[in-house]
């Protein structure tokens, strides 16, 4: 496939879940947080929450370091920037197509007036 990008696929897969999006949003605001701080708002056990963190880490959206018994997570903004670039490219392409359609419709209207 011409535009196949496994890293982007993993990022979109990770962001497909609302829990993981909430974790990314929190880390985007706070930069770092412990696993316990991140897990606190969610009504699930720690093992289930850790699976979400593993998906986010595997996608490259977050990283974590362990110090003693505390694991601290942080956002990796480059993966988010890559996803945003993908959206930006799609927006530009769509805008170009819409501009062409608008020009075509205008030309049809001008021809009707003649």
PDB file of N, CA and C in Angstrom:
ATOM      1  N   UNK A   1       0.839  -1.177   0.000  1.00  0.00           N
ATOM      2  CA  UNK A   1       0.000   0.000   0.000  1.00  0.00           C
ATOM      3  C   UNK A   1       0.886   1.242   0.000  1.00  0.00           C
ATOM      4  N   UNK A   2       0.517   2.219  -0.769  1.00  0.00           N
ATOM      5  CA  UNK A   2       1.358   3.392  -0.976  1.00  0.00           C
ATOM      6  C   UNK A   2       1.586   4.202   0.303  1.00  0.00           C
ATOM      7  N   UNK A   3       0.550   4.413   1.082  1.00  0.00           N
ATOM      8  CA  UNK A   3       0.656   5.279   2.253  1.00  0.00           C
ATOM      9  C   UNK A   3       0.605   4.488   3.560  1.00  0.00           C
ATOM     10  N   UNK A   4       1.044   3.253   3.554  1.00  0.00           N
ATOM     11  CA  UNK A   4       1.014   2.416   4.751  1.00  0.00           C
ATOM     12  C   UNK A   4       2.068   2.895   5.739  1.00  0.00           C
ATOM     13  N   UNK A   5       1.632   3.183   6.949  1.00  0.00           N
ATOM     14  CA  UNK A   5       2.530   3.675   7.990  1.00  0.00           C
ATOM     15  C   UNK A   5       2.185   2.955   9.291  1.00  0.00           C
ATOM     16  N   UNK A   6       2.938   1.900   9.643  1.00  0.00           N
ATOM     17  CA  UNK A   6       2.600   1.119  10.839  1.00  0.00           C
ATOM     18  C   UNK A   6       2.561   1.949  12.125  1.00  0.00           C
ATOM     19  N   UNK A   7       3.442   2.921  12.272  1.00  0.00           N
ATOM     20  CA  UNK A   7       3.449   3.740  13.484  1.00  0.00           C
ATOM     21  C   UNK A   7       2.163   4.552  13.594  1.00  0.00           C
ATOM     22  N   UNK A   8       1.709   5.079  12.479  1.00  0.00           N
ATOM     23  CA  UNK A   8       0.463   5.842  12.464  1.00  0.00           C
ATOM     24  C   UNK A   8      -0.730   4.930  12.749  1.00  0.00           C
ATOM     25  N   UNK A   9      -0.695   3.719  12.214  1.00  0.00           N
ATOM     26  CA  UNK A   9      -1.758   2.749  12.489  1.00  0.00           C
ATOM     27  C   UNK A   9      -1.851   2.452  13.981  1.00  0.00           C
ATOM     28  N   UNK A  10      -0.708   2.267  14.618  1.00  0.00           N
ATOM     29  CA  UNK A  10      -0.700   1.987  16.070  1.00  0.00           C
ATOM     30  C   UNK A  10      -1.223   3.189  16.854  1.00  0.00           C
ATOM     31  N   UNK A  11      -0.855   4.382  16.433  1.00  0.00           N
ATOM     32  CA  UNK A  11      -1.321   5.581  17.130  1.00  0.00           C
ATOM     33  C   UNK A  11      -2.838   5.712  17.021  1.00  0.00           C
ATOM     34  N   UNK A  12      -3.390   5.519  15.821  1.00  0.00           N
ATOM     35  CA  UNK A  12      -4.840   5.628  15.650  1.00  0.00           C
ATOM     36  C   UNK A  12      -5.568   4.504  16.387  1.00  0.00           C
ATOM     37  N   UNK A  13      -4.983   3.316  16.404  1.00  0.00           N
ATOM     38  CA  UNK A  13      -5.581   2.221  17.177  1.00  0.00           C
ATOM     39  C   UNK A  13      -5.628   2.594  18.657  1.00  0.00           C
ATOM     40  N   UNK A  14      -4.540   3.139  19.155  1.00  0.00           N
ATOM     41  CA  UNK A  14      -4.489   3.521  20.571  1.00  0.00           C
ATOM     42  C   UNK A  14      -5.496   4.617  20.880  1.00  0.00           C
ATOM     43  N   UNK A  15      -5.650   5.568  19.981  1.00  0.00           N
ATOM     44  CA  UNK A  15      -6.559   6.690  20.209  1.00  0.00           C
ATOM     45  C   UNK A  15      -8.025   6.338  19.946  1.00  0.00           C
ATOM     46  N   UNK A  16      -8.285   5.134  19.472  1.00  0.00           N
ATOM     47  CA  UNK A  16      -9.660   4.721  19.201  1.00  0.00           C
ATOM     48  C   UNK A  16     -10.461   4.477  20.480  1.00  0.00           C
ATOM     49  N   UNK A  17      -9.778   4.319  21.595  1.00  0.00           N
ATOM     50  CA  UNK A  17     -10.452   4.028  22.858  1.00  0.00           C
ATOM     51  C   UNK A  17     -10.585   5.292  23.707  1.00  0.00           C
ATOM     52  N   UNK A  18     -11.769   5.564  24.269  1.00  0.00           N
ATOM     53  CA  UNK A  18     -11.963   6.795  25.051  1.00  0.00           C
ATOM     54  C   UNK A  18     -11.094   6.872  26.311  1.00  0.00           C
ATOM     55  N   UNK A  19     -10.823   5.743  26.935  1.00  0.00           N
ATOM     56  CA  UNK A  19      -9.953   5.756  28.121  1.00  0.00           C
ATOM     57  C   UNK A  19      -8.557   6.200  27.740  1.00  0.00           C
ATOM     58  N   UNK A  20      -8.048   5.646  26.655  1.00  0.00           N
ATOM     59  CA  UNK A  20      -6.695   6.006  26.226  1.00  0.00           C
ATOM     60  C   UNK A  20      -6.630   7.455  25.751  1.00  0.00           C
ATOM     61  N   UNK A  21      -7.690   7.925  25.076  1.00  0.00           N
ATOM     62  CA  UNK A  21      -7.707   9.344  24.684  1.00  0.00           C
ATOM     63  C   UNK A  21      -7.685  10.243  25.913  1.00  0.00           C
ATOM     64  N   UNK A  22      -8.409   9.858  26.962  1.00  0.00           N
ATOM     65  CA  UNK A  22      -8.426  10.653  28.192  1.00  0.00           C
ATOM     66  C   UNK A  22      -7.041  10.680  28.840  1.00  0.00           C
ATOM     67  N   UNK A  23      -6.342   9.566  28.814  1.00  0.00           N
ATOM     68  CA  UNK A  23      -4.986   9.511  29.375  1.00  0.00           C
ATOM     69  C   UNK A  23      -4.062  10.425  28.581  1.00  0.00           C
ATOM     70  N   UNK A  24      -4.145  10.359  27.257  1.00  0.00           N
ATOM     71  CA  UNK A  24      -3.305  11.220  26.416  1.00  0.00           C
ATOM     72  C   UNK A  24      -3.637  12.693  26.662  1.00  0.00           C
ATOM     73  N   UNK A  25      -4.923  13.007  26.790  1.00  0.00           N
ATOM     74  CA  UNK A  25      -5.327  14.398  27.048  1.00  0.00           C
ATOM     75  C   UNK A  25      -4.769  14.878  28.386  1.00  0.00           C
ATOM     76  N   UNK A  26      -4.831  14.033  29.394  1.00  0.00           N
ATOM     77  CA  UNK A  26      -4.298  14.431  30.709  1.00  0.00           C
ATOM     78  C   UNK A  26      -2.797  14.652  30.636  1.00  0.00           C
ATOM     79  N   UNK A  27      -2.100  13.742  29.978  1.00  0.00           N
ATOM     80  CA  UNK A  27      -0.647  13.892  29.872  1.00  0.00           C
ATOM     81  C   UNK A  27      -0.270  15.086  28.995  1.00  0.00           C
ATOM     82  N   UNK A  28      -1.099  15.408  28.032  1.00  0.00           N
ATOM     83  CA  UNK A  28      -0.833  16.588  27.202  1.00  0.00           C
ATOM     84  C   UNK A  28      -0.926  17.861  28.043  1.00  0.00           C
ATOM     85  N   UNK A  29      -1.832  17.865  29.026  1.00  0.00           N
ATOM     86  CA  UNK A  29      -1.965  19.029  29.920  1.00  0.00           C
ATOM     87  C   UNK A  29      -0.865  19.063  30.975  1.00  0.00           C
ATOM     88  N   UNK A  30      -0.592  17.916  31.582  1.00  0.00           N
ATOM     89  CA  UNK A  30       0.294  17.860  32.755  1.00  0.00           C
ATOM     90  C   UNK A  30       1.714  17.402  32.444  1.00  0.00           C
ATOM     91  N   UNK A  31       1.966  16.914  31.256  1.00  0.00           N
ATOM     92  CA  UNK A  31       3.266  16.409  30.816  1.00  0.00           C
ATOM     93  C   UNK A  31       3.629  15.063  31.452  1.00  0.00           C
ATOM     94  N   UNK A  32       3.529  14.933  32.784  1.00  0.00           N
ATOM     95  CA  UNK A  32       3.836  13.665  33.438  1.00  0.00           C
ATOM     96  C   UNK A  32       2.807  13.383  34.529  1.00  0.00           C
ATOM     97  N   UNK A  33       2.635  12.093  34.829  1.00  0.00           N
ATOM     98  CA  UNK A  33       1.759  11.673  35.928  1.00  0.00           C
ATOM     99  C   UNK A  33       2.100  10.233  36.273  1.00  0.00           C
ATOM    100  N   UNK A  34       1.870   9.876  37.515  1.00  0.00           N
ATOM    101  CA  UNK A  34       2.103   8.490  37.917  1.00  0.00           C
ATOM    102  C   UNK A  34       0.953   7.630  37.404  1.00  0.00           C
ATOM    103  N   UNK A  35       1.183   6.340  37.346  1.00  0.00           N
ATOM    104  CA  UNK A  35       0.143   5.419  36.908  1.00  0.00           C
ATOM    105  C   UNK A  35      -1.076   5.536  37.812  1.00  0.00           C
ATOM    106  N   UNK A  36      -0.845   5.626  39.115  1.00  0.00           N
ATOM    107  CA  UNK A  36      -1.961   5.738  40.055  1.00  0.00           C
ATOM    108  C   UNK A  36      -2.766   7.014  39.804  1.00  0.00           C
ATOM    109  N   UNK A  37      -2.094   8.132  39.539  1.00  0.00           N
ATOM    110  CA  UNK A  37      -2.799   9.379  39.235  1.00  0.00           C
ATOM    111  C   UNK A  37      -3.622   9.259  37.954  1.00  0.00           C
ATOM    112  N   UNK A  38      -3.054   8.585  36.966  1.00  0.00           N
ATOM    113  CA  UNK A  38      -3.765   8.419  35.707  1.00  0.00           C
ATOM    114  C   UNK A  38      -4.954   7.464  35.843  1.00  0.00           C
ATOM    115  N   UNK A  39      -4.785   6.422  36.649  1.00  0.00           N
ATOM    116  CA  UNK A  39      -5.822   5.400  36.788  1.00  0.00           C
ATOM    117  C   UNK A  39      -6.976   5.848  37.680  1.00  0.00           C
ATOM    118  N   UNK A  40      -6.723   6.769  38.579  1.00  0.00           N
ATOM    119  CA  UNK A  40      -7.700   7.154  39.597  1.00  0.00           C
ATOM    120  C   UNK A  40      -9.094   7.494  39.053  1.00  0.00           C
ATOM    121  N   UNK A  41      -9.245   8.280  37.976  1.00  0.00           N
ATOM    122  CA  UNK A  41     -10.592   8.657  37.526  1.00  0.00           C
ATOM    123  C   UNK A  41     -11.404   7.529  36.873  1.00  0.00           C
ATOM    124  N   UNK A  42     -10.780   6.408  36.569  1.00  0.00           N
ATOM    125  CA  UNK A  42     -11.450   5.373  35.785  1.00  0.00           C
ATOM    126  C   UNK A  42     -11.976   4.245  36.666  1.00  0.00           C
ATOM    127  N   UNK A  43     -13.217   3.809  36.410  1.00  0.00           N
ATOM    128  CA  UNK A  43     -13.824   2.751  37.222  1.00  0.00           C
ATOM    129  C   UNK A  43     -13.410   1.360  36.746  1.00  0.00           C
ATOM    130  N   UNK A  44     -12.121   1.080  36.856  1.00  0.00           N
ATOM    131  CA  UNK A  44     -11.617  -0.246  36.467  1.00  0.00           C
ATOM    132  C   UNK A  44     -10.446  -0.593  37.354  1.00  0.00           C
ATOM    133  N   UNK A  45     -10.148  -1.866  37.409  1.00  0.00           N
ATOM    134  CA  UNK A  45      -9.021  -2.322  38.202  1.00  0.00           C
ATOM    135  C   UNK A  45      -7.707  -1.913  37.572  1.00  0.00           C
ATOM    136  N   UNK A  46      -6.667  -1.898  38.383  1.00  0.00           N
ATOM    137  CA  UNK A  46      -5.345  -1.508  37.898  1.00  0.00           C
ATOM    138  C   UNK A  46      -4.844  -2.417  36.776  1.00  0.00           C
ATOM    139  N   UNK A  47      -5.040  -3.748  36.853  1.00  0.00           N
ATOM    140  CA  UNK A  47      -4.571  -4.588  35.740  1.00  0.00           C
ATOM    141  C   UNK A  47      -5.206  -4.211  34.395  1.00  0.00           C
ATOM    142  N   UNK A  48      -6.495  -3.903  34.400  1.00  0.00           N
ATOM    143  CA  UNK A  48      -7.160  -3.496  33.150  1.00  0.00           C
ATOM    144  C   UNK A  48      -6.608  -2.157  32.671  1.00  0.00           C
ATOM    145  N   UNK A  49      -6.370  -1.241  33.599  1.00  0.00           N
ATOM    146  CA  UNK A  49      -5.833   0.064  33.206  1.00  0.00           C
ATOM    147  C   UNK A  49      -4.421  -0.072  32.653  1.00  0.00           C
ATOM    148  N   UNK A  50      -3.630  -0.955  33.232  1.00  0.00           N
ATOM    149  CA  UNK A  50      -2.270  -1.160  32.739  1.00  0.00           C
ATOM    150  C   UNK A  50      -2.253  -1.657  31.297  1.00  0.00           C
ATOM    151  N   UNK A  51      -3.288  -2.402  30.897  1.00  0.00           N
ATOM    152  CA  UNK A  51      -3.375  -2.842  29.500  1.00  0.00           C
ATOM    153  C   UNK A  51      -3.529  -1.632  28.577  1.00  0.00           C
ATOM    154  N   UNK A  52      -4.308  -0.652  29.021  1.00  0.00           N
ATOM    155  CA  UNK A  52      -4.459   0.579  28.229  1.00  0.00           C
ATOM    156  C   UNK A  52      -3.113   1.298  28.108  1.00  0.00           C
ATOM    157  N   UNK A  53      -2.391   1.380  29.209  1.00  0.00           N
ATOM    158  CA  UNK A  53      -1.087   2.037  29.165  1.00  0.00           C
ATOM    159  C   UNK A  53      -0.118   1.300  28.249  1.00  0.00           C
ATOM    160  N   UNK A  54      -0.199  -0.020  28.248  1.00  0.00           N
ATOM    161  CA  UNK A  54       0.693  -0.789  27.375  1.00  0.00           C
ATOM    162  C   UNK A  54       0.402  -0.477  25.910  1.00  0.00           C
ATOM    163  N   UNK A  55      -0.872  -0.379  25.546  1.00  0.00           N
ATOM    164  CA  UNK A  55      -1.232  -0.027  24.161  1.00  0.00           C
ATOM    165  C   UNK A  55      -0.678   1.355  23.814  1.00  0.00           C
ATOM    166  N   UNK A  56      -0.822   2.302  24.731  1.00  0.00           N
ATOM    167  CA  UNK A  56      -0.308   3.656  24.488  1.00  0.00           C
ATOM    168  C   UNK A  56       1.211   3.660  24.357  1.00  0.00           C
ATOM    169  N   UNK A  57       1.883   2.885  25.196  1.00  0.00           N
ATOM    170  CA  UNK A  57       3.351   2.813  25.091  1.00  0.00           C
ATOM    171  C   UNK A  57       3.773   2.137  23.796  1.00  0.00           C
ATOM    172  N   UNK A  58       3.099   1.036  23.448  1.00  0.00           N
ATOM    173  CA  UNK A  58       3.437   0.323  22.208  1.00  0.00           C
ATOM    174  C   UNK A  58       3.224   1.202  20.981  1.00  0.00           C
ATOM    175  N   UNK A  59       2.278   2.125  21.072  1.00  0.00           N
ATOM    176  CA  UNK A  59       2.004   3.017  19.944  1.00  0.00           C
ATOM    177  C   UNK A  59       3.019   4.154  19.864  1.00  0.00           C
ATOM    178  N   UNK A  60       3.760   4.369  20.940  1.00  0.00           N
ATOM    179  CA  UNK A  60       4.727   5.460  20.969  1.00  0.00           C
ATOM    180  C   UNK A  60       4.144   6.778  21.433  1.00  0.00           C
ATOM    181  N   UNK A  61       2.870   6.785  21.842  1.00  0.00           N
ATOM    182  CA  UNK A  61       2.246   8.035  22.284  1.00  0.00           C
ATOM    183  C   UNK A  61       2.708   8.458  23.669  1.00  0.00           C
ATOM    184  N   UNK A  62       3.034   7.487  24.507  1.00  0.00           N
ATOM    185  CA  UNK A  62       3.541   7.802  25.844  1.00  0.00           C
ATOM    186  C   UNK A  62       4.769   6.950  26.125  1.00  0.00           C
ATOM    187  N   UNK A  63       5.509   7.354  27.131  1.00  0.00           N
ATOM    188  CA  UNK A  63       6.616   6.542  27.641  1.00  0.00           C
ATOM    189  C   UNK A  63       6.496   6.525  29.158  1.00  0.00           C
ATOM    190  N   UNK A  64       7.165   5.583  29.776  1.00  0.00           N
ATOM    191  CA  UNK A  64       7.118   5.528  31.232  1.00  0.00           C
ATOM    192  C   UNK A  64       8.481   5.109  31.771  1.00  0.00           C
ATOM    193  N   UNK A  65       8.736   5.549  32.984  1.00  0.00           N
ATOM    194  CA  UNK A  65       9.955   5.162  33.697  1.00  0.00           C
ATOM    195  C   UNK A  65       9.556   4.742  35.095  1.00  0.00           C
ATOM    196  N   UNK A  66      10.292   3.762  35.607  1.00  0.00           N
ATOM    197  CA  UNK A  66       9.995   3.254  36.937  1.00  0.00           C
ATOM    198  C   UNK A  66      11.104   3.689  37.883  1.00  0.00           C
ATOM    199  N   UNK A  67      10.689   4.258  39.005  1.00  0.00           N
ATOM    200  CA  UNK A  67      11.627   4.662  40.048  1.00  0.00           C
ATOM    201  C   UNK A  67      11.132   4.036  41.347  1.00  0.00           C
ATOM    202  N   UNK A  68      11.824   3.013  41.781  1.00  0.00           N
ATOM    203  CA  UNK A  68      11.344   2.283  42.952  1.00  0.00           C
ATOM    204  C   UNK A  68      10.060   1.563  42.603  1.00  0.00           C
ATOM    205  N   UNK A  69       9.001   1.854  43.353  1.00  0.00           N
ATOM    206  CA  UNK A  69       7.706   1.219  43.098  1.00  0.00           C
ATOM    207  C   UNK A  69       6.756   2.122  42.308  1.00  0.00           C
ATOM    208  N   UNK A  70       7.239   3.282  41.891  1.00  0.00           N
ATOM    209  CA  UNK A  70       6.377   4.240  41.210  1.00  0.00           C
ATOM    210  C   UNK A  70       6.742   4.318  39.734  1.00  0.00           C
ATOM    211  N   UNK A  71       5.730   4.136  38.880  1.00  0.00           N
ATOM    212  CA  UNK A  71       5.920   4.284  37.440  1.00  0.00           C
ATOM    213  C   UNK A  71       5.293   5.615  37.026  1.00  0.00           C
ATOM    214  N   UNK A  72       6.106   6.433  36.345  1.00  0.00           N
ATOM    215  CA  UNK A  72       5.656   7.750  35.888  1.00  0.00           C
ATOM    216  C   UNK A  72       5.578   7.748  34.368  1.00  0.00           C
ATOM    217  N   UNK A  73       4.462   8.227  33.865  1.00  0.00           N
ATOM    218  CA  UNK A  73       4.232   8.269  32.414  1.00  0.00           C
ATOM    219  C   UNK A  73       4.387   9.695  31.916  1.00  0.00           C
ATOM    220  N   UNK A  74       4.799   9.813  30.662  1.00  0.00           N
ATOM    221  CA  UNK A  74       4.894  11.133  30.035  1.00  0.00           C
ATOM    222  C   UNK A  74       4.473  11.017  28.575  1.00  0.00           C
ATOM    223  N   UNK A  75       4.032  12.136  28.051  1.00  0.00           N
ATOM    224  CA  UNK A  75       3.567  12.198  26.667  1.00  0.00           C
ATOM    225  C   UNK A  75       4.774  12.243  25.738  1.00  0.00           C
ATOM    226  N   UNK A  76       4.622  11.658  24.559  1.00  0.00           N
ATOM    227  CA  UNK A  76       5.642  11.754  23.515  1.00  0.00           C
ATOM    228  C   UNK A  76       5.013  12.523  22.366  1.00  0.00           C
ATOM    229  N   UNK A  77       5.208  13.824  22.338  1.00  0.00           N
ATOM    230  CA  UNK A  77       4.465  14.677  21.398  1.00  0.00           C
ATOM    231  C   UNK A  77       4.734  14.406  19.922  1.00  0.00           C
ATOM    232  N   UNK A  78       5.850  13.789  19.576  1.00  0.00           N
ATOM    233  CA  UNK A  78       6.155  13.575  18.161  1.00  0.00           C
ATOM    234  C   UNK A  78       5.121  12.664  17.507  1.00  0.00           C
ATOM    235  N   UNK A  79       4.670  11.626  18.218  1.00  0.00           N
ATOM    236  CA  UNK A  79       3.652  10.740  17.643  1.00  0.00           C
ATOM    237  C   UNK A  79       2.355  11.500  17.391  1.00  0.00           C
ATOM    238  N   UNK A  80       1.986  12.377  18.313  1.00  0.00           N
ATOM    239  CA  UNK A  80       0.782  13.187  18.110  1.00  0.00           C
ATOM    240  C   UNK A  80       0.977  14.141  16.938  1.00  0.00           C
ATOM    241  N   UNK A  81       2.172  14.678  16.801  1.00  0.00           N
ATOM    242  CA  UNK A  81       2.459  15.576  15.680  1.00  0.00           C
ATOM    243  C   UNK A  81       2.352  14.831  14.357  1.00  0.00           C
ATOM    244  N   UNK A  82       2.798  13.579  14.328  1.00  0.00           N
ATOM    245  CA  UNK A  82       2.690  12.783  13.102  1.00  0.00           C
ATOM    246  C   UNK A  82       1.218  12.539  12.736  1.00  0.00           C
ATOM    247  N   UNK A  83       0.387  12.254  13.738  1.00  0.00           N
ATOM    248  CA  UNK A  83      -1.039  12.049  13.484  1.00  0.00           C
ATOM    249  C   UNK A  83      -1.673  13.357  13.004  1.00  0.00           C
ATOM    250  N   UNK A  84      -1.318  14.463  13.623  1.00  0.00           N
ATOM    251  CA  UNK A  84      -1.849  15.762  13.207  1.00  0.00           C
ATOM    252  C   UNK A  84      -1.425  16.091  11.779  1.00  0.00           C
ATOM    253  N   UNK A  85      -0.204  15.746  11.413  1.00  0.00           N
ATOM    254  CA  UNK A  85       0.264  15.983  10.050  1.00  0.00           C
ATOM    255  C   UNK A  85      -0.566  15.177   9.059  1.00  0.00           C
ATOM    256  N   UNK A  86      -0.914  13.951   9.430  1.00  0.00           N
ATOM    257  CA  UNK A  86      -1.743  13.115   8.562  1.00  0.00           C
ATOM    258  C   UNK A  86      -3.095  13.791   8.337  1.00  0.00           C
ATOM    259  N   UNK A  87      -3.716  14.281   9.436  1.00  0.00           N
ATOM    260  CA  UNK A  87      -4.995  14.985   9.312  1.00  0.00           C
ATOM    261  C   UNK A  87      -4.844  16.257   8.473  1.00  0.00           C
ATOM    262  N   UNK A  88      -3.781  16.975   8.677  1.00  0.00           N
ATOM    263  CA  UNK A  88      -3.547  18.211   7.932  1.00  0.00           C
ATOM    264  C   UNK A  88      -3.436  17.931   6.431  1.00  0.00           C
ATOM    265  N   UNK A  89      -2.722  16.874   6.093  1.00  0.00           N
ATOM    266  CA  UNK A  89      -2.593  16.498   4.685  1.00  0.00           C
ATOM    267  C   UNK A  89      -3.958  16.149   4.085  1.00  0.00           C
ATOM    268  N   UNK A  90      -4.777  15.417   4.843  1.00  0.00           N
ATOM    269  CA  UNK A  90      -6.119  15.058   4.355  1.00  0.00           C
ATOM    270  C   UNK A  90      -6.978  16.309   4.188  1.00  0.00           C
ATOM    271  N   UNK A  91      -6.887  17.265   5.145  1.00  0.00           N
ATOM    272  CA  UNK A  91      -7.651  18.508   5.053  1.00  0.00           C
ATOM    273  C   UNK A  91      -7.275  19.287   3.794  1.00  0.00           C
ATOM    274  N   UNK A  92      -5.969  19.390   3.516  1.00  0.00           N
ATOM    275  CA  UNK A  92      -5.511  20.123   2.337  1.00  0.00           C
ATOM    276  C   UNK A  92      -6.040  19.479   1.061  1.00  0.00           C
ATOM    277  N   UNK A  93      -5.980  18.163   1.010  1.00  0.00           N
ATOM    278  CA  UNK A  93      -6.467  17.444  -0.172  1.00  0.00           C
ATOM    279  C   UNK A  93      -7.962  17.666  -0.349  1.00  0.00           C
ATOM    280  N   UNK A  94      -8.720  17.558   0.732  1.00  0.00           N
ATOM    281  CA  UNK A  94     -10.170  17.770   0.670  1.00  0.00           C
ATOM    282  C   UNK A  94     -10.496  19.205   0.277  1.00  0.00           C
ATOM    283  N   UNK A  95      -9.776  20.165   0.844  1.00  0.00           N
ATOM    284  CA  UNK A  95     -10.010  21.573   0.498  1.00  0.00           C
ATOM    285  C   UNK A  95      -9.755  21.804  -0.984  1.00  0.00           C
ATOM    286  N   UNK A  96      -8.727  21.193  -1.520  1.00  0.00           N
ATOM    287  CA  UNK A  96      -8.415  21.321  -2.941  1.00  0.00           C
ATOM    288  C   UNK A  96      -9.552  20.755  -3.794  1.00  0.00           C
ATOM    289  N   UNK A  97     -10.061  19.602  -3.409  1.00  0.00           N
ATOM    290  CA  UNK A  97     -11.169  19.008  -4.160  1.00  0.00           C
ATOM    291  C   UNK A  97     -12.425  19.876  -4.067  1.00  0.00           C
ATOM    292  N   UNK A  98     -12.697  20.417  -2.886  1.00  0.00           N
ATOM    293  CA  UNK A  98     -13.867  21.280  -2.727  1.00  0.00           C
ATOM    294  C   UNK A  98     -13.727  22.564  -3.536  1.00  0.00           C
ATOM    295  N   UNK A  99     -12.515  23.106  -3.600  1.00  0.00           N
ATOM    296  CA  UNK A  99     -12.282  24.297  -4.425  1.00  0.00           C
ATOM    297  C   UNK A  99     -12.553  23.999  -5.895  1.00  0.00           C
ATOM    298  N   UNK A 100     -12.094  22.848  -6.348  1.00  0.00           N
ATOM    299  CA  UNK A 100     -12.337  22.462  -7.738  1.00  0.00           C
ATOM    300  C   UNK A 100     -13.822  22.292  -7.996  1.00  0.00           C
ATOM    301  N   UNK A 101     -14.538  21.695  -7.050  1.00  0.00           N
ATOM    302  CA  UNK A 101     -15.980  21.522  -7.199  1.00  0.00           C
ATOM    303  C   UNK A 101     -16.678  22.883  -7.238  1.00  0.00           C
ATOM    304  N   UNK A 102     -16.280  23.789  -6.354  1.00  0.00           N
ATOM    305  CA  UNK A 102     -16.882  25.131  -6.340  1.00  0.00           C
ATOM    306  C   UNK A 102     -16.641  25.842  -7.668  1.00  0.00           C
ATOM    307  N   UNK A 103     -15.433  25.745  -8.205  1.00  0.00           N
ATOM    308  CA  UNK A 103     -15.133  26.368  -9.501  1.00  0.00           C
ATOM    309  C   UNK A 103     -15.993  25.771 -10.613  1.00  0.00           C
ATOM    310  N   UNK A 104     -16.189  24.467 -10.567  1.00  0.00           N
ATOM    311  CA  UNK A 104     -17.007  23.799 -11.574  1.00  0.00           C
ATOM    312  C   UNK A 104     -18.457  24.268 -11.482  1.00  0.00           C
ATOM    313  N   UNK A 105     -18.998  24.320 -10.264  1.00  0.00           N
ATOM    314  CA  UNK A 105     -20.387  24.768 -10.074  1.00  0.00           C
ATOM    315  C   UNK A 105     -20.543  26.220 -10.527  1.00  0.00           C
ATOM    316  N   UNK A 106     -19.576  27.049 -10.204  1.00  0.00           N
ATOM    317  CA  UNK A 106     -19.628  28.450 -10.650  1.00  0.00           C
ATOM    318  C   UNK A 106     -19.597  28.550 -12.171  1.00  0.00           C
ATOM    319  N   UNK A 107     -18.795  27.721 -12.798  1.00  0.00           N
ATOM    320  CA  UNK A 107     -18.736  27.754 -14.270  1.00  0.00           C
ATOM    321  C   UNK A 107     -20.064  27.303 -14.864  1.00  0.00           C
ATOM    322  N   UNK A 108     -20.726  26.351 -14.247  1.00  0.00           N
ATOM    323  CA  UNK A 108     -22.045  25.905 -14.725  1.00  0.00           C
ATOM    324  C   UNK A 108     -23.060  27.039 -14.583  1.00  0.00           C
ATOM    325  N   UNK A 109     -23.010  27.742 -13.462  1.00  0.00           N
ATOM    326  CA  UNK A 109     -23.937  28.850 -13.249  1.00  0.00           C
ATOM    327  C   UNK A 109     -23.690  29.983 -14.237  1.00  0.00           C
ATOM    328  N   UNK A 110     -22.435  30.252 -14.522  1.00  0.00           N
ATOM    329  CA  UNK A 110     -22.099  31.303 -15.489  1.00  0.00           C
ATOM    330  C   UNK A 110     -22.594  30.919 -16.886  1.00  0.00           C
ATOM    331  N   UNK A 111     -22.463  29.651 -17.232  1.00  0.00           N
ATOM    332  CA  UNK A 111     -22.933  29.190 -18.552  1.00  0.00           C
ATOM    333  C   UNK A 111     -24.447  29.267 -18.662  1.00  0.00           C
ATOM    334  N   UNK A 112     -25.169  29.072 -17.570  1.00  0.00           N
ATOM    335  CA  UNK A 112     -26.638  29.181 -17.575  1.00  0.00           C
ATOM    336  C   UNK A 112     -27.074  30.624 -17.810  1.00  0.00           C
ATOM    337  N   UNK A 113     -26.292  31.565 -17.290  1.00  0.00           N
ATOM    338  CA  UNK A 113     -26.640  32.976 -17.414  1.00  0.00           C
ATOM    339  C   UNK A 113     -26.459  33.488 -18.836  1.00  0.00           C
ATOM    340  N   UNK A 114     -25.643  32.838 -19.619  1.00  0.00           N
ATOM    341  CA  UNK A 114     -25.361  33.303 -20.999  1.00  0.00           C
ATOM    342  C   UNK A 114     -26.460  32.966 -21.951  1.00  0.00           C
TER     343      UNK A 114
END
